[in-house]
Each structure stands twice: as structure tokens, then as C-alpha cells.
């Protein structure tokens, strides 16, 4: 497909938004190729995507969320990446606690 030939490793389509994943070294060339082909790039960032996720239980999830919030609020920290997954049912429980 066009995306693969532009350097994409993976592509996700949701509603009318296409998310293209590529290696950091191919980031600019992939973006430029897609723009030249007429695709509007509304957002393009280098981000860390975990290769595997760890599902958290309720007690651990609460602590991890508290840590993530503290890290994100810290003035010296620009980006925070993690590989945890909190099931929706547990997130709902945690939200009700607050």
C-alpha cells in the first residue's frame, strides 16, 4: 500500500484518522512522502510505543496512576511513557474512589 511504500511499519484507521507508525530514522521521509501524496498531516511526533503491556491490578494501578500524575506535573519532565494497561472495570472503580 501507499503507507508501506512511504516507510510505514504499521497503520491504524479509526473514524477518519489514520495513525502511521514508523522507525525514528524513517520519520521525516515518511511524513514528507505522505504530504507530497496529498495527505494532510495534522500531528507528527516521535513517541515511545511499548512492545508489550503489563496489566495492572487495582492496588498497583492506583499507585502507578499517582506516580504518573506526579511525573507529568513535574516541571523538569517533558514526556512520560509507560507500558501498563489498566482494565476498564478497574479504572471505573478507581475513578469512583476519587
PDB file of N, CA and C in Angstrom:
ATOM      1  N   UNK A   1       0.829  -1.189   0.000  1.00  0.00           N
ATOM      2  CA  UNK A   1       0.000   0.000   0.000  1.00  0.00           C
ATOM      3  C   UNK A   1       0.876   1.255   0.000  1.00  0.00           C
ATOM      4  N   UNK A   2       0.238   2.387  -0.174  1.00  0.00           N
ATOM      5  CA  UNK A   2       0.950   3.664  -0.183  1.00  0.00           C
ATOM      6  C   UNK A   2       1.703   3.892   1.117  1.00  0.00           C
ATOM      7  N   UNK A   3       1.065   3.584   2.236  1.00  0.00           N
ATOM      8  CA  UNK A   3       1.685   3.841   3.529  1.00  0.00           C
ATOM      9  C   UNK A   3       2.947   2.998   3.722  1.00  0.00           C
ATOM     10  N   UNK A   4       2.878   1.749   3.320  1.00  0.00           N
ATOM     11  CA  UNK A   4       4.051   0.877   3.453  1.00  0.00           C
ATOM     12  C   UNK A   4       5.183   1.366   2.547  1.00  0.00           C
ATOM     13  N   UNK A   5       4.838   1.772   1.334  1.00  0.00           N
ATOM     14  CA  UNK A   5       5.878   2.254   0.421  1.00  0.00           C
ATOM     15  C   UNK A   5       6.466   3.580   0.893  1.00  0.00           C
ATOM     16  N   UNK A   6       5.720   4.305   1.738  1.00  0.00           N
ATOM     17  CA  UNK A   6       6.216   5.575   2.281  1.00  0.00           C
ATOM     18  C   UNK A   6       7.124   5.354   3.484  1.00  0.00           C
ATOM     19  N   UNK A   7       7.177   4.112   3.995  1.00  0.00           N
ATOM     20  CA  UNK A   7       8.036   3.813   5.131  1.00  0.00           C
ATOM     21  C   UNK A   7       7.302   3.397   6.379  1.00  0.00           C
ATOM     22  N   UNK A   8       5.988   3.232   6.294  1.00  0.00           N
ATOM     23  CA  UNK A   8       5.204   2.856   7.467  1.00  0.00           C
ATOM     24  C   UNK A   8       5.432   1.396   7.829  1.00  0.00           C
ATOM     25  N   UNK A   9       5.529   1.133   9.133  1.00  0.00           N
ATOM     26  CA  UNK A   9       5.613  -0.241   9.618  1.00  0.00           C
ATOM     27  C   UNK A   9       4.233  -0.767   9.997  1.00  0.00           C
ATOM     28  N   UNK A  10       3.373   0.152  10.450  1.00  0.00           N
ATOM     29  CA  UNK A  10       2.027  -0.222  10.846  1.00  0.00           C
ATOM     30  C   UNK A  10       1.115   0.973  10.625  1.00  0.00           C
ATOM     31  N   UNK A  11      -0.151   0.693  10.383  1.00  0.00           N
ATOM     32  CA  UNK A  11      -1.131   1.747  10.136  1.00  0.00           C
ATOM     33  C   UNK A  11      -2.419   1.380  10.873  1.00  0.00           C
ATOM     34  N   UNK A  12      -3.004   2.363  11.562  1.00  0.00           N
ATOM     35  CA  UNK A  12      -4.296   2.174  12.217  1.00  0.00           C
ATOM     36  C   UNK A  12      -5.260   3.222  11.674  1.00  0.00           C
ATOM     37  N   UNK A  13      -6.488   2.794  11.372  1.00  0.00           N
ATOM     38  CA  UNK A  13      -7.505   3.713  10.869  1.00  0.00           C
ATOM     39  C   UNK A  13      -8.682   3.666  11.830  1.00  0.00           C
ATOM     40  N   UNK A  14      -9.042   4.839  12.360  1.00  0.00           N
ATOM     41  CA  UNK A  14     -10.183   4.947  13.253  1.00  0.00           C
ATOM     42  C   UNK A  14     -10.949   6.199  12.866  1.00  0.00           C
ATOM     43  N   UNK A  15     -12.228   6.011  12.560  1.00  0.00           N
ATOM     44  CA  UNK A  15     -13.049   7.090  12.017  1.00  0.00           C
ATOM     45  C   UNK A  15     -12.334   7.602  10.767  1.00  0.00           C
ATOM     46  N   UNK A  16     -11.982   8.868  10.718  1.00  0.00           N
ATOM     47  CA  UNK A  16     -11.276   9.371   9.549  1.00  0.00           C
ATOM     48  C   UNK A  16      -9.854   9.781   9.891  1.00  0.00           C
ATOM     49  N   UNK A  17      -9.319   9.174  10.943  1.00  0.00           N
ATOM     50  CA  UNK A  17      -7.953   9.472  11.368  1.00  0.00           C
ATOM     51  C   UNK A  17      -7.078   8.260  11.104  1.00  0.00           C
ATOM     52  N   UNK A  18      -5.977   8.490  10.417  1.00  0.00           N
ATOM     53  CA  UNK A  18      -5.018   7.431  10.114  1.00  0.00           C
ATOM     54  C   UNK A  18      -3.775   7.678  10.962  1.00  0.00           C
ATOM     55  N   UNK A  19      -3.380   6.672  11.732  1.00  0.00           N
ATOM     56  CA  UNK A  19      -2.155   6.753  12.527  1.00  0.00           C
ATOM     57  C   UNK A  19      -1.119   5.858  11.862  1.00  0.00           C
ATOM     58  N   UNK A  20       0.026   6.444  11.564  1.00  0.00           N
ATOM     59  CA  UNK A  20       1.093   5.731  10.869  1.00  0.00           C
ATOM     60  C   UNK A  20       2.267   5.557  11.829  1.00  0.00           C
ATOM     61  N   UNK A  21       2.747   4.326  11.963  1.00  0.00           N
ATOM     62  CA  UNK A  21       3.899   4.020  12.810  1.00  0.00           C
ATOM     63  C   UNK A  21       5.089   3.699  11.929  1.00  0.00           C
ATOM     64  N   UNK A  22       6.242   4.269  12.296  1.00  0.00           N
ATOM     65  CA  UNK A  22       7.465   4.045  11.542  1.00  0.00           C
ATOM     66  C   UNK A  22       8.655   4.088  12.486  1.00  0.00           C
ATOM     67  N   UNK A  23       9.794   3.680  12.019  1.00  0.00           N
ATOM     68  CA  UNK A  23      11.012   3.770  12.814  1.00  0.00           C
ATOM     69  C   UNK A  23      11.437   5.232  12.901  1.00  0.00           C
ATOM     70  N   UNK A  24      12.090   5.635  13.997  1.00  0.00           N
ATOM     71  CA  UNK A  24      12.533   7.023  14.125  1.00  0.00           C
ATOM     72  C   UNK A  24      13.383   7.502  12.944  1.00  0.00           C
ATOM     73  N   UNK A  25      14.213   6.629  12.429  1.00  0.00           N
ATOM     74  CA  UNK A  25      15.084   7.023  11.310  1.00  0.00           C
ATOM     75  C   UNK A  25      14.289   7.322  10.040  1.00  0.00           C
ATOM     76  N   UNK A  26      13.080   6.754   9.920  1.00  0.00           N
ATOM     77  CA  UNK A  26      12.245   6.948   8.733  1.00  0.00           C
ATOM     78  C   UNK A  26      11.168   8.012   8.931  1.00  0.00           C
ATOM     79  N   UNK A  27      11.137   8.631  10.110  1.00  0.00           N
ATOM     80  CA  UNK A  27      10.068   9.559  10.470  1.00  0.00           C
ATOM     81  C   UNK A  27       9.886  10.679   9.447  1.00  0.00           C
ATOM     82  N   UNK A  28      10.927  11.443   9.195  1.00  0.00           N
ATOM     83  CA  UNK A  28      10.827  12.605   8.294  1.00  0.00           C
ATOM     84  C   UNK A  28      10.506  12.192   6.867  1.00  0.00           C
ATOM     85  N   UNK A  29      11.160  11.158   6.364  1.00  0.00           N
ATOM     86  CA  UNK A  29      10.912  10.766   4.975  1.00  0.00           C
ATOM     87  C   UNK A  29       9.488  10.234   4.806  1.00  0.00           C
ATOM     88  N   UNK A  30       8.991   9.503   5.790  1.00  0.00           N
ATOM     89  CA  UNK A  30       7.618   9.008   5.721  1.00  0.00           C
ATOM     90  C   UNK A  30       6.633  10.169   5.734  1.00  0.00           C
ATOM     91  N   UNK A  31       6.851  11.107   6.642  1.00  0.00           N
ATOM     92  CA  UNK A  31       5.980  12.291   6.731  1.00  0.00           C
ATOM     93  C   UNK A  31       6.004  13.076   5.418  1.00  0.00           C
ATOM     94  N   UNK A  32       7.187  13.322   4.887  1.00  0.00           N
ATOM     95  CA  UNK A  32       7.313  14.081   3.643  1.00  0.00           C
ATOM     96  C   UNK A  32       6.638  13.373   2.466  1.00  0.00           C
ATOM     97  N   UNK A  33       6.810  12.066   2.386  1.00  0.00           N
ATOM     98  CA  UNK A  33       6.197  11.299   1.300  1.00  0.00           C
ATOM     99  C   UNK A  33       4.682  11.386   1.372  1.00  0.00           C
ATOM    100  N   UNK A  34       4.121  11.237   2.561  1.00  0.00           N
ATOM    101  CA  UNK A  34       2.663  11.307   2.707  1.00  0.00           C
ATOM    102  C   UNK A  34       2.135  12.705   2.383  1.00  0.00           C
ATOM    103  N   UNK A  35       2.864  13.736   2.796  1.00  0.00           N
ATOM    104  CA  UNK A  35       2.443  15.107   2.472  1.00  0.00           C
ATOM    105  C   UNK A  35       2.500  15.358   0.968  1.00  0.00           C
ATOM    106  N   UNK A  36       3.536  14.853   0.295  1.00  0.00           N
ATOM    107  CA  UNK A  36       3.658  15.020  -1.153  1.00  0.00           C
ATOM    108  C   UNK A  36       2.535  14.300  -1.900  1.00  0.00           C
ATOM    109  N   UNK A  37       2.023  13.223  -1.313  1.00  0.00           N
ATOM    110  CA  UNK A  37       0.928  12.467  -1.929  1.00  0.00           C
ATOM    111  C   UNK A  37      -0.437  13.092  -1.619  1.00  0.00           C
ATOM    112  N   UNK A  38      -0.441  14.201  -0.877  1.00  0.00           N
ATOM    113  CA  UNK A  38      -1.681  14.915  -0.632  1.00  0.00           C
ATOM    114  C   UNK A  38      -2.357  14.628   0.691  1.00  0.00           C
ATOM    115  N   UNK A  39      -1.713  13.871   1.546  1.00  0.00           N
ATOM    116  CA  UNK A  39      -2.299  13.589   2.858  1.00  0.00           C
ATOM    117  C   UNK A  39      -1.976  14.732   3.811  1.00  0.00           C
ATOM    118  N   UNK A  40      -2.985  15.233   4.493  1.00  0.00           N
ATOM    119  CA  UNK A  40      -2.780  16.285   5.480  1.00  0.00           C
ATOM    120  C   UNK A  40      -2.274  15.690   6.780  1.00  0.00           C
ATOM    121  N   UNK A  41      -1.124  16.116   7.209  1.00  0.00           N
ATOM    122  CA  UNK A  41      -0.553  15.646   8.467  1.00  0.00           C
ATOM    123  C   UNK A  41      -0.912  16.675   9.531  1.00  0.00           C
ATOM    124  N   UNK A  42      -1.796  16.291  10.450  1.00  0.00           N
ATOM    125  CA  UNK A  42      -2.238  17.222  11.484  1.00  0.00           C
ATOM    126  C   UNK A  42      -1.381  17.156  12.729  1.00  0.00           C
ATOM    127  N   UNK A  43      -0.719  16.028  12.941  1.00  0.00           N
ATOM    128  CA  UNK A  43       0.121  15.862  14.122  1.00  0.00           C
ATOM    129  C   UNK A  43       1.181  14.823  13.801  1.00  0.00           C
ATOM    130  N   UNK A  44       2.414  15.119  14.131  1.00  0.00           N
ATOM    131  CA  UNK A  44       3.502  14.180  13.887  1.00  0.00           C
ATOM    132  C   UNK A  44       4.486  14.292  15.036  1.00  0.00           C
ATOM    133  N   UNK A  45       4.671  13.214  15.760  1.00  0.00           N
ATOM    134  CA  UNK A  45       5.558  13.197  16.920  1.00  0.00           C
ATOM    135  C   UNK A  45       6.332  11.897  16.987  1.00  0.00           C
ATOM    136  N   UNK A  46       7.504  11.982  17.569  1.00  0.00           N
ATOM    137  CA  UNK A  46       8.245  10.785  17.915  1.00  0.00           C
ATOM    138  C   UNK A  46       7.816  10.386  19.321  1.00  0.00           C
ATOM    139  N   UNK A  47       7.296   9.184  19.471  1.00  0.00           N
ATOM    140  CA  UNK A  47       6.851   8.690  20.768  1.00  0.00           C
ATOM    141  C   UNK A  47       7.355   7.272  20.975  1.00  0.00           C
ATOM    142  N   UNK A  48       7.421   6.890  22.231  1.00  0.00           N
ATOM    143  CA  UNK A  48       7.801   5.524  22.569  1.00  0.00           C
ATOM    144  C   UNK A  48       6.529   4.677  22.631  1.00  0.00           C
ATOM    145  N   UNK A  49       6.507   3.576  21.902  1.00  0.00           N
ATOM    146  CA  UNK A  49       5.367   2.670  21.903  1.00  0.00           C
ATOM    147  C   UNK A  49       5.861   1.337  22.470  1.00  0.00           C
ATOM    148  N   UNK A  50       5.249   0.869  23.559  1.00  0.00           N
ATOM    149  CA  UNK A  50       5.727  -0.373  24.171  1.00  0.00           C
ATOM    150  C   UNK A  50       5.486  -1.575  23.266  1.00  0.00           C
ATOM    151  N   UNK A  51       6.411  -2.518  23.290  1.00  0.00           N
ATOM    152  CA  UNK A  51       6.229  -3.742  22.508  1.00  0.00           C
ATOM    153  C   UNK A  51       5.367  -4.744  23.258  1.00  0.00           C
ATOM    154  N   UNK A  52       5.230  -4.569  24.555  1.00  0.00           N
ATOM    155  CA  UNK A  52       4.310  -5.383  25.341  1.00  0.00           C
ATOM    156  C   UNK A  52       3.765  -4.538  26.482  1.00  0.00           C
ATOM    157  N   UNK A  53       2.593  -4.920  26.976  1.00  0.00           N
ATOM    158  CA  UNK A  53       1.967  -4.184  28.069  1.00  0.00           C
ATOM    159  C   UNK A  53       1.781  -5.104  29.268  1.00  0.00           C
ATOM    160  N   UNK A  54       1.779  -4.492  30.438  1.00  0.00           N
ATOM    161  CA  UNK A  54       1.591  -5.230  31.683  1.00  0.00           C
ATOM    162  C   UNK A  54       0.241  -4.816  32.261  1.00  0.00           C
ATOM    163  N   UNK A  55      -0.627  -5.793  32.470  1.00  0.00           N
ATOM    164  CA  UNK A  55      -1.939  -5.490  33.036  1.00  0.00           C
ATOM    165  C   UNK A  55      -1.803  -5.348  34.548  1.00  0.00           C
ATOM    166  N   UNK A  56      -2.359  -4.270  35.074  1.00  0.00           N
ATOM    167  CA  UNK A  56      -2.239  -3.976  36.495  1.00  0.00           C
ATOM    168  C   UNK A  56      -3.508  -4.321  37.252  1.00  0.00           C
ATOM    169  N   UNK A  57      -3.311  -4.762  38.478  1.00  0.00           N
ATOM    170  CA  UNK A  57      -4.442  -4.990  39.366  1.00  0.00           C
ATOM    171  C   UNK A  57      -4.760  -3.689  40.080  1.00  0.00           C
ATOM    172  N   UNK A  58      -5.878  -3.649  40.778  1.00  0.00           N
ATOM    173  CA  UNK A  58      -6.418  -2.414  41.348  1.00  0.00           C
ATOM    174  C   UNK A  58      -5.426  -1.664  42.232  1.00  0.00           C
ATOM    175  N   UNK A  59      -4.837  -2.320  43.222  1.00  0.00           N
ATOM    176  CA  UNK A  59      -3.938  -1.632  44.163  1.00  0.00           C
ATOM    177  C   UNK A  59      -2.715  -1.068  43.443  1.00  0.00           C
ATOM    178  N   UNK A  60      -2.146  -1.845  42.570  1.00  0.00           N
ATOM    179  CA  UNK A  60      -0.974  -1.395  41.818  1.00  0.00           C
ATOM    180  C   UNK A  60      -1.359  -0.272  40.862  1.00  0.00           C
ATOM    181  N   UNK A  61      -2.513  -0.391  40.238  1.00  0.00           N
ATOM    182  CA  UNK A  61      -2.971   0.633  39.295  1.00  0.00           C
ATOM    183  C   UNK A  61      -3.101   1.987  39.984  1.00  0.00           C
ATOM    184  N   UNK A  62      -3.650   1.999  41.197  1.00  0.00           N
ATOM    185  CA  UNK A  62      -3.803   3.268  41.921  1.00  0.00           C
ATOM    186  C   UNK A  62      -2.441   3.912  42.181  1.00  0.00           C
ATOM    187  N   UNK A  63      -1.462   3.107  42.599  1.00  0.00           N
ATOM    188  CA  UNK A  63      -0.120   3.643  42.873  1.00  0.00           C
ATOM    189  C   UNK A  63       0.554   4.130  41.601  1.00  0.00           C
ATOM    190  N   UNK A  64       0.418   3.372  40.537  1.00  0.00           N
ATOM    191  CA  UNK A  64       1.050   3.756  39.272  1.00  0.00           C
ATOM    192  C   UNK A  64       0.426   5.038  38.731  1.00  0.00           C
ATOM    193  N   UNK A  65      -0.874   5.166  38.803  1.00  0.00           N
ATOM    194  CA  UNK A  65      -1.527   6.388  38.331  1.00  0.00           C
ATOM    195  C   UNK A  65      -1.091   7.597  39.146  1.00  0.00           C
ATOM    196  N   UNK A  66      -0.929   7.409  40.440  1.00  0.00           N
ATOM    197  CA  UNK A  66      -0.455   8.502  41.293  1.00  0.00           C
ATOM    198  C   UNK A  66       0.969   8.911  40.895  1.00  0.00           C
ATOM    199  N   UNK A  67       1.825   7.921  40.643  1.00  0.00           N
ATOM    200  CA  UNK A  67       3.190   8.203  40.197  1.00  0.00           C
ATOM    201  C   UNK A  67       3.186   8.907  38.844  1.00  0.00           C
ATOM    202  N   UNK A  68       2.380   8.427  37.896  1.00  0.00           N
ATOM    203  CA  UNK A  68       2.306   9.057  36.569  1.00  0.00           C
ATOM    204  C   UNK A  68       1.869  10.514  36.681  1.00  0.00           C
ATOM    205  N   UNK A  69       0.890  10.768  37.524  1.00  0.00           N
ATOM    206  CA  UNK A  69       0.415  12.142  37.711  1.00  0.00           C
ATOM    207  C   UNK A  69       1.516  13.026  38.275  1.00  0.00           C
ATOM    208  N   UNK A  70       2.262  12.508  39.254  1.00  0.00           N
ATOM    209  CA  UNK A  70       3.357  13.285  39.847  1.00  0.00           C
ATOM    210  C   UNK A  70       4.440  13.566  38.812  1.00  0.00           C
ATOM    211  N   UNK A  71       4.769  12.580  37.994  1.00  0.00           N
ATOM    212  CA  UNK A  71       5.789  12.770  36.960  1.00  0.00           C
ATOM    213  C   UNK A  71       5.337  13.793  35.919  1.00  0.00           C
ATOM    214  N   UNK A  72       4.099  13.681  35.483  1.00  0.00           N
ATOM    215  CA  UNK A  72       3.586  14.595  34.465  1.00  0.00           C
ATOM    216  C   UNK A  72       3.499  16.031  34.977  1.00  0.00           C
ATOM    217  N   UNK A  73       3.273  16.197  36.277  1.00  0.00           N
ATOM    218  CA  UNK A  73       3.172  17.533  36.863  1.00  0.00           C
ATOM    219  C   UNK A  73       4.530  18.167  37.153  1.00  0.00           C
ATOM    220  N   UNK A  74       5.593  17.385  37.127  1.00  0.00           N
ATOM    221  CA  UNK A  74       6.928  17.886  37.450  1.00  0.00           C
ATOM    222  C   UNK A  74       7.435  18.790  36.326  1.00  0.00           C
ATOM    223  N   UNK A  75       7.943  19.953  36.674  1.00  0.00           N
ATOM    224  CA  UNK A  75       8.383  20.941  35.686  1.00  0.00           C
ATOM    225  C   UNK A  75       9.550  20.470  34.821  1.00  0.00           C
ATOM    226  N   UNK A  76      10.414  19.624  35.353  1.00  0.00           N
ATOM    227  CA  UNK A  76      11.600  19.193  34.613  1.00  0.00           C
ATOM    228  C   UNK A  76      11.351  17.986  33.709  1.00  0.00           C
ATOM    229  N   UNK A  77      10.169  17.428  33.735  1.00  0.00           N
ATOM    230  CA  UNK A  77       9.859  16.241  32.926  1.00  0.00           C
ATOM    231  C   UNK A  77       9.010  16.664  31.736  1.00  0.00           C
ATOM    232  N   UNK A  78       9.483  16.312  30.541  1.00  0.00           N
ATOM    233  CA  UNK A  78       8.792  16.720  29.326  1.00  0.00           C
ATOM    234  C   UNK A  78       7.825  15.653  28.819  1.00  0.00           C
ATOM    235  N   UNK A  79       8.206  14.402  28.872  1.00  0.00           N
ATOM    236  CA  UNK A  79       7.371  13.309  28.371  1.00  0.00           C
ATOM    237  C   UNK A  79       7.430  12.143  29.349  1.00  0.00           C
ATOM    238  N   UNK A  80       6.323  11.419  29.464  1.00  0.00           N
ATOM    239  CA  UNK A  80       6.267  10.230  30.309  1.00  0.00           C
ATOM    240  C   UNK A  80       5.692   9.100  29.463  1.00  0.00           C
ATOM    241  N   UNK A  81       6.389   7.977  29.425  1.00  0.00           N
ATOM    242  CA  UNK A  81       5.946   6.811  28.682  1.00  0.00           C
ATOM    243  C   UNK A  81       5.831   5.638  29.637  1.00  0.00           C
ATOM    244  N   UNK A  82       4.894   4.746  29.384  1.00  0.00           N
ATOM    245  CA  UNK A  82       4.713   3.588  30.249  1.00  0.00           C
ATOM    246  C   UNK A  82       4.158   2.430  29.438  1.00  0.00           C
ATOM    247  N   UNK A  83       4.265   1.238  30.010  1.00  0.00           N
ATOM    248  CA  UNK A  83       3.751   0.053  29.317  1.00  0.00           C
ATOM    249  C   UNK A  83       2.684  -0.666  30.137  1.00  0.00           C
ATOM    250  N   UNK A  84       1.930   0.068  30.950  1.00  0.00           N
ATOM    251  CA  UNK A  84       0.901  -0.590  31.744  1.00  0.00           C
ATOM    252  C   UNK A  84      -0.457  -0.505  31.050  1.00  0.00           C
ATOM    253  N   UNK A  85      -1.303  -1.456  31.410  1.00  0.00           N
ATOM    254  CA  UNK A  85      -2.670  -1.494  30.915  1.00  0.00           C
ATOM    255  C   UNK A  85      -3.572  -1.690  32.128  1.00  0.00           C
ATOM    256  N   UNK A  86      -4.541  -0.811  32.271  1.00  0.00           N
ATOM    257  CA  UNK A  86      -5.490  -0.919  33.368  1.00  0.00           C
ATOM    258  C   UNK A  86      -6.848  -1.240  32.762  1.00  0.00           C
ATOM    259  N   UNK A  87      -7.402  -2.409  33.083  1.00  0.00           N
ATOM    260  CA  UNK A  87      -8.717  -2.777  32.540  1.00  0.00           C
ATOM    261  C   UNK A  87      -9.768  -1.719  32.881  1.00  0.00           C
ATOM    262  N   UNK A  88     -10.732  -1.551  31.998  1.00  0.00           N
ATOM    263  CA  UNK A  88     -11.776  -0.536  32.174  1.00  0.00           C
ATOM    264  C   UNK A  88     -12.508  -0.678  33.506  1.00  0.00           C
ATOM    265  N   UNK A  89     -12.805  -1.904  33.909  1.00  0.00           N
ATOM    266  CA  UNK A  89     -13.532  -2.118  35.164  1.00  0.00           C
ATOM    267  C   UNK A  89     -12.740  -1.571  36.349  1.00  0.00           C
ATOM    268  N   UNK A  90     -11.424  -1.780  36.343  1.00  0.00           N
ATOM    269  CA  UNK A  90     -10.589  -1.279  37.434  1.00  0.00           C
ATOM    270  C   UNK A  90     -10.497   0.243  37.368  1.00  0.00           C
ATOM    271  N   UNK A  91     -10.371   0.810  36.166  1.00  0.00           N
ATOM    272  CA  UNK A  91     -10.348   2.271  36.029  1.00  0.00           C
ATOM    273  C   UNK A  91     -11.637   2.889  36.562  1.00  0.00           C
ATOM    274  N   UNK A  92     -12.778   2.238  36.290  1.00  0.00           N
ATOM    275  CA  UNK A  92     -14.048   2.736  36.788  1.00  0.00           C
ATOM    276  C   UNK A  92     -14.075   2.728  38.310  1.00  0.00           C
ATOM    277  N   UNK A  93     -13.569   1.660  38.913  1.00  0.00           N
ATOM    278  CA  UNK A  93     -13.504   1.569  40.378  1.00  0.00           C
ATOM    279  C   UNK A  93     -12.629   2.671  40.964  1.00  0.00           C
ATOM    280  N   UNK A  94     -11.469   2.870  40.363  1.00  0.00           N
ATOM    281  CA  UNK A  94     -10.523   3.882  40.845  1.00  0.00           C
ATOM    282  C   UNK A  94     -11.144   5.273  40.718  1.00  0.00           C
ATOM    283  N   UNK A  95     -11.838   5.529  39.606  1.00  0.00           N
ATOM    284  CA  UNK A  95     -12.474   6.826  39.398  1.00  0.00           C
ATOM    285  C   UNK A  95     -13.550   7.082  40.434  1.00  0.00           C
ATOM    286  N   UNK A  96     -14.263   6.048  40.830  1.00  0.00           N
ATOM    287  CA  UNK A  96     -15.314   6.193  41.840  1.00  0.00           C
ATOM    288  C   UNK A  96     -14.730   6.509  43.212  1.00  0.00           C
ATOM    289  N   UNK A  97     -13.502   6.037  43.475  1.00  0.00           N
ATOM    290  CA  UNK A  97     -12.848   6.272  44.771  1.00  0.00           C
ATOM    291  C   UNK A  97     -12.486   7.735  44.960  1.00  0.00           C
ATOM    292  N   UNK A  98     -12.187   8.428  43.852  1.00  0.00           N
ATOM    293  CA  UNK A  98     -11.716   9.820  43.950  1.00  0.00           C
ATOM    294  C   UNK A  98     -12.810  10.787  44.164  1.00  0.00           C
TER     295      UNK A  98
END
